[in-house]
Structures are given as C-alpha cells and as structure tokens.
Amino acid sequence: LRVTVDLHLPCNTTEMAPIDFIKDFMAGGCSGALAKTCTAPIERVKLLIQTQDANPLIRSGEVKRYNGIADCFRRVNAEQGFKAFWRGNFTNCVRYFPTQALNLASKDSINGMFPRYSPKTDFWKFFGVNLASGGAAGAFSL
C-alpha cells in the first residue's frame, strides 16, 4: 500500500485566513479608537453646547451660557482643565471599537465574494465592487 500526500495547497485569494481577519479586526478597532480620541475635544464641546439648556446651574443663572464654540473651548480649559476634553472618551472608544473592527475586518471578506476588477482597466467596475463591499461591511457592522 502506497500513500502519497500532496502538500501543495492551492492559493485561493478570495478566502481570508483567520489570522488576517483578526489582524484586520484589531487594526480597525484600534484605528477607530484612535480617531475617536483625536476628535474627542470637538465631541465634548459639541455635547456641552447641545445640553447646556438641561444643566441646572446654567438654567438658574449661576453659570453663564456658552457663547459659541470658541467660548466653550476656552472655558472648559480654564474651568475644568485640559484633560476635561477627553472626559467620557474611554466609553466612547469601547462603544466604537467593535463597530469599526467588524467594518474593516469584514470588508475584505465581503470583497472576496465579488469578481475582481483592475482599477486601471475597469475603474468603474472596481469602484462599484468596492462601494458595494464597503456598504455591505458597514451594514454588517451595525
């Protein structure tokens, strides 16, 4: 009895290895958390301005209303300190990490289900496939 084993496995580029999915998952989550951290001061000021009418100290007149974005940035830094711009950022990152992680990790998997087109010869087909796979990944990550 003679048994031979062919160790040459065909390379299928449409399937992602689990390690690639994990790498993309982590890269997507970390990049999303980094982006949220970079934009946290803007988000904090936006929330303070939007919710100032619900603040009892502002409603009673003890604390002055914010007179715009620049005034809010200046007062938060002066009254609460520079680190206050990132208050609540950890929770925001924890919420956003899985969304962005799934989005990036699943885009390549979903993209592999579509036919491949060259961006140089079939630009609009290439664009359409990327648009469809990105949209499907975005819907999947919700």
C-alpha atoms as a PDB file:
ATOM      1  CA  LEU A   1       0.000   0.000   0.000  1.00  0.00           C
ATOM      2  CA  ARG A   2       1.481   3.304  -1.072  1.00  0.00           C
ATOM      3  CA  VAL A   3       0.065   6.637   0.137  1.00  0.00           C
ATOM      4  CA  THR A   4       1.180   9.936  -1.299  1.00  0.00           C
ATOM      5  CA  VAL A   5       0.266  13.286   0.097  1.00  0.00           C
ATOM      6  CA  ASP A   6       0.304  16.446  -1.970  1.00  0.00           C
ATOM      7  CA  LEU A   7       1.415  19.236   0.333  1.00  0.00           C
ATOM      8  CA  HIS A   8       0.996  21.911  -2.327  1.00  0.00           C
ATOM      9  CA  LEU A   9      -2.251  23.624  -1.431  1.00  0.00           C
ATOM     10  CA  PRO A  10      -3.899  25.857  -3.977  1.00  0.00           C
ATOM     11  CA  CYS A  11      -3.817  29.522  -3.092  1.00  0.00           C
ATOM     12  CA  ASN A  12      -7.303  30.945  -3.070  1.00  0.00           C
ATOM     13  CA  THR A  13      -7.125  34.724  -2.755  1.00  0.00           C
ATOM     14  CA  THR A  14     -10.851  35.103  -2.204  1.00  0.00           C
ATOM     15  CA  GLU A  15     -10.728  33.479   1.242  1.00  0.00           C
ATOM     16  CA  MET A  16      -9.150  35.212   4.196  1.00  0.00           C
ATOM     17  CA  ALA A  17      -7.129  33.286   6.706  1.00  0.00           C
ATOM     18  CA  PRO A  18      -8.478  33.618  10.263  1.00  0.00           C
ATOM     19  CA  ILE A  19      -5.282  35.399  11.309  1.00  0.00           C
ATOM     20  CA  ASP A  20      -5.849  38.017   8.578  1.00  0.00           C
ATOM     21  CA  PHE A  21      -9.368  38.590   9.862  1.00  0.00           C
ATOM     22  CA  ILE A  22      -8.053  39.018  13.414  1.00  0.00           C
ATOM     23  CA  LYS A  23      -5.335  41.435  12.239  1.00  0.00           C
ATOM     24  CA  ASP A  24      -7.894  43.490  10.310  1.00  0.00           C
ATOM     25  CA  PHE A  25     -10.283  43.348  13.275  1.00  0.00           C
ATOM     26  CA  MET A  26      -7.658  44.711  15.653  1.00  0.00           C
ATOM     27  CA  ALA A  27      -6.408  47.302  13.156  1.00  0.00           C
ATOM     28  CA  GLY A  28      -9.943  48.529  12.523  1.00  0.00           C
ATOM     29  CA  GLY A  29     -10.792  48.731  16.212  1.00  0.00           C
ATOM     30  CA  CYS A  30      -7.569  50.490  17.149  1.00  0.00           C
ATOM     31  CA  SER A  31      -7.829  52.966  14.286  1.00  0.00           C
ATOM     32  CA  GLY A  32     -11.427  53.708  15.239  1.00  0.00           C
ATOM     33  CA  ALA A  33     -10.476  54.274  18.877  1.00  0.00           C
ATOM     34  CA  LEU A  34      -7.579  56.493  17.825  1.00  0.00           C
ATOM     35  CA  ALA A  35      -9.848  58.545  15.575  1.00  0.00           C
ATOM     36  CA  LYS A  36     -12.378  58.960  18.402  1.00  0.00           C
ATOM     37  CA  THR A  37      -9.601  60.025  20.775  1.00  0.00           C
ATOM     38  CA  CYS A  38      -8.320  62.621  18.289  1.00  0.00           C
ATOM     39  CA  THR A  39     -11.786  64.107  17.808  1.00  0.00           C
ATOM     40  CA  ALA A  40     -12.835  63.841  21.478  1.00  0.00           C
ATOM     41  CA  PRO A  41     -12.366  67.560  22.270  1.00  0.00           C
ATOM     42  CA  ILE A  42     -14.688  68.547  19.419  1.00  0.00           C
ATOM     43  CA  GLU A  43     -17.251  65.960  20.507  1.00  0.00           C
ATOM     44  CA  ARG A  44     -17.084  67.137  24.127  1.00  0.00           C
ATOM     45  CA  VAL A  45     -17.626  70.784  23.173  1.00  0.00           C
ATOM     46  CA  LYS A  46     -20.493  69.798  20.878  1.00  0.00           C
ATOM     47  CA  LEU A  47     -22.198  67.876  23.678  1.00  0.00           C
ATOM     48  CA  LEU A  48     -21.710  70.685  26.206  1.00  0.00           C
ATOM     49  CA  ILE A  49     -23.247  73.240  23.860  1.00  0.00           C
ATOM     50  CA  GLN A  50     -26.129  70.942  22.914  1.00  0.00           C
ATOM     51  CA  THR A  51     -27.005  70.054  26.513  1.00  0.00           C
ATOM     52  CA  GLN A  52     -26.368  73.401  28.226  1.00  0.00           C
ATOM     53  CA  ASP A  53     -30.106  74.118  28.468  1.00  0.00           C
ATOM     54  CA  ALA A  54     -30.532  70.974  30.586  1.00  0.00           C
ATOM     55  CA  ASN A  55     -27.772  71.994  33.022  1.00  0.00           C
ATOM     56  CA  PRO A  56     -29.441  73.223  36.251  1.00  0.00           C
ATOM     57  CA  LEU A  57     -26.545  75.592  37.041  1.00  0.00           C
ATOM     58  CA  ILE A  58     -26.906  77.302  33.672  1.00  0.00           C
ATOM     59  CA  ARG A  59     -30.709  77.390  33.913  1.00  0.00           C
ATOM     60  CA  SER A  60     -30.574  79.004  37.354  1.00  0.00           C
ATOM     61  CA  GLY A  61     -28.094  81.630  36.164  1.00  0.00           C
ATOM     62  CA  GLU A  62     -25.254  80.556  38.484  1.00  0.00           C
ATOM     63  CA  VAL A  63     -23.122  79.641  35.475  1.00  0.00           C
ATOM     64  CA  LYS A  64     -23.069  81.649  32.270  1.00  0.00           C
ATOM     65  CA  ARG A  65     -24.237  80.071  28.981  1.00  0.00           C
ATOM     66  CA  TYR A  66     -21.606  79.183  26.405  1.00  0.00           C
ATOM     67  CA  ASN A  67     -21.446  81.847  23.705  1.00  0.00           C
ATOM     68  CA  GLY A  68     -20.258  79.573  20.909  1.00  0.00           C
ATOM     69  CA  ILE A  69     -17.622  77.007  20.184  1.00  0.00           C
ATOM     70  CA  ALA A  70     -14.563  79.148  20.911  1.00  0.00           C
ATOM     71  CA  ASP A  71     -16.025  80.309  24.241  1.00  0.00           C
ATOM     72  CA  CYS A  72     -16.802  76.705  25.200  1.00  0.00           C
ATOM     73  CA  PHE A  73     -13.261  75.541  24.353  1.00  0.00           C
ATOM     74  CA  ARG A  74     -11.756  78.413  26.350  1.00  0.00           C
ATOM     75  CA  ARG A  75     -13.992  77.968  29.404  1.00  0.00           C
ATOM     76  CA  VAL A  76     -13.675  74.179  29.595  1.00  0.00           C
ATOM     77  CA  ASN A  77      -9.888  74.505  29.505  1.00  0.00           C
ATOM     78  CA  ALA A  78      -9.896  77.286  32.122  1.00  0.00           C
ATOM     79  CA  GLU A  79     -12.547  75.851  34.472  1.00  0.00           C
ATOM     80  CA  GLN A  80     -12.047  72.082  34.186  1.00  0.00           C
ATOM     81  CA  GLY A  81      -8.546  71.708  32.784  1.00  0.00           C
ATOM     82  CA  PHE A  82      -7.162  70.396  29.520  1.00  0.00           C
ATOM     83  CA  LYS A  83      -7.879  66.730  30.364  1.00  0.00           C
ATOM     84  CA  ALA A  84     -11.607  67.502  30.590  1.00  0.00           C
ATOM     85  CA  PHE A  85     -11.821  67.485  26.799  1.00  0.00           C
ATOM     86  CA  TRP A  86     -11.353  63.702  26.917  1.00  0.00           C
ATOM     87  CA  ARG A  87     -13.906  63.072  29.674  1.00  0.00           C
ATOM     88  CA  GLY A  88     -16.085  60.143  28.560  1.00  0.00           C
ATOM     89  CA  ASN A  89     -13.698  59.189  25.758  1.00  0.00           C
ATOM     90  CA  PHE A  90     -12.960  55.684  27.091  1.00  0.00           C
ATOM     91  CA  THR A  91     -16.642  54.778  26.999  1.00  0.00           C
ATOM     92  CA  ASN A  92     -16.901  56.206  23.510  1.00  0.00           C
ATOM     93  CA  CYS A  93     -13.919  54.131  22.376  1.00  0.00           C
ATOM     94  CA  VAL A  94     -15.323  50.946  23.936  1.00  0.00           C
ATOM     95  CA  ARG A  95     -18.579  51.565  22.086  1.00  0.00           C
ATOM     96  CA  TYR A  96     -16.902  52.393  18.770  1.00  0.00           C
ATOM     97  CA  PHE A  97     -14.158  49.706  18.752  1.00  0.00           C
ATOM     98  CA  PRO A  98     -16.297  46.699  17.734  1.00  0.00           C
ATOM     99  CA  THR A  99     -18.181  48.687  15.103  1.00  0.00           C
ATOM    100  CA  GLN A 100     -15.039  49.803  13.286  1.00  0.00           C
ATOM    101  CA  ALA A 101     -13.287  46.484  13.888  1.00  0.00           C
ATOM    102  CA  LEU A 102     -16.084  44.497  12.249  1.00  0.00           C
ATOM    103  CA  ASN A 103     -16.352  47.022   9.451  1.00  0.00           C
ATOM    104  CA  LEU A 104     -12.695  46.787   8.423  1.00  0.00           C
ATOM    105  CA  ALA A 105     -12.347  43.056   9.037  1.00  0.00           C
ATOM    106  CA  SER A 106     -15.470  42.101   7.119  1.00  0.00           C
ATOM    107  CA  LYS A 107     -14.862  44.402   4.132  1.00  0.00           C
ATOM    108  CA  ASP A 108     -12.095  42.217   2.696  1.00  0.00           C
ATOM    109  CA  SER A 109     -14.110  39.052   3.316  1.00  0.00           C
ATOM    110  CA  ILE A 110     -17.142  40.521   1.593  1.00  0.00           C
ATOM    111  CA  ASN A 111     -14.968  41.997  -1.168  1.00  0.00           C
ATOM    112  CA  GLY A 112     -13.719  38.465  -1.910  1.00  0.00           C
ATOM    113  CA  MET A 113     -17.281  37.422  -2.798  1.00  0.00           C
ATOM    114  CA  PHE A 114     -17.338  39.839  -5.726  1.00  0.00           C
ATOM    115  CA  PRO A 115     -15.448  39.478  -9.011  1.00  0.00           C
ATOM    116  CA  ARG A 116     -12.070  41.200  -9.158  1.00  0.00           C
ATOM    117  CA  TYR A 117     -11.519  44.146 -11.477  1.00  0.00           C
ATOM    118  CA  SER A 118      -8.418  46.141 -12.218  1.00  0.00           C
ATOM    119  CA  PRO A 119      -8.557  49.780 -11.161  1.00  0.00           C
ATOM    120  CA  LYS A 120      -6.529  50.694 -14.255  1.00  0.00           C
ATOM    121  CA  THR A 121      -8.599  48.921 -16.917  1.00  0.00           C
ATOM    122  CA  ASP A 122     -12.076  48.624 -15.342  1.00  0.00           C
ATOM    123  CA  PHE A 123     -12.133  51.550 -12.951  1.00  0.00           C
ATOM    124  CA  TRP A 124     -15.935  51.897 -12.620  1.00  0.00           C
ATOM    125  CA  LYS A 125     -16.456  48.164 -12.044  1.00  0.00           C
ATOM    126  CA  PHE A 126     -13.614  48.215  -9.496  1.00  0.00           C
ATOM    127  CA  PHE A 127     -15.186  51.268  -7.844  1.00  0.00           C
ATOM    128  CA  GLY A 128     -18.645  49.650  -7.807  1.00  0.00           C
ATOM    129  CA  VAL A 129     -17.361  46.450  -6.215  1.00  0.00           C
ATOM    130  CA  ASN A 130     -15.510  48.401  -3.520  1.00  0.00           C
ATOM    131  CA  LEU A 131     -18.545  50.579  -2.911  1.00  0.00           C
ATOM    132  CA  ALA A 132     -20.824  47.548  -2.596  1.00  0.00           C
ATOM    133  CA  SER A 133     -18.458  45.601  -0.335  1.00  0.00           C
ATOM    134  CA  GLY A 134     -17.832  48.658   1.870  1.00  0.00           C
ATOM    135  CA  GLY A 135     -21.563  49.294   2.136  1.00  0.00           C
ATOM    136  CA  ALA A 136     -22.264  45.664   2.969  1.00  0.00           C
ATOM    137  CA  ALA A 137     -19.491  45.677   5.590  1.00  0.00           C
ATOM    138  CA  GLY A 138     -20.934  48.854   7.091  1.00  0.00           C
ATOM    139  CA  ALA A 139     -24.398  47.306   7.254  1.00  0.00           C
ATOM    140  CA  PHE A 140     -22.947  44.137   8.762  1.00  0.00           C
ATOM    141  CA  SER A 141     -21.092  46.050  11.477  1.00  0.00           C
ATOM    142  CA  LEU A 142     -24.195  47.865  12.683  1.00  0.00           C
END
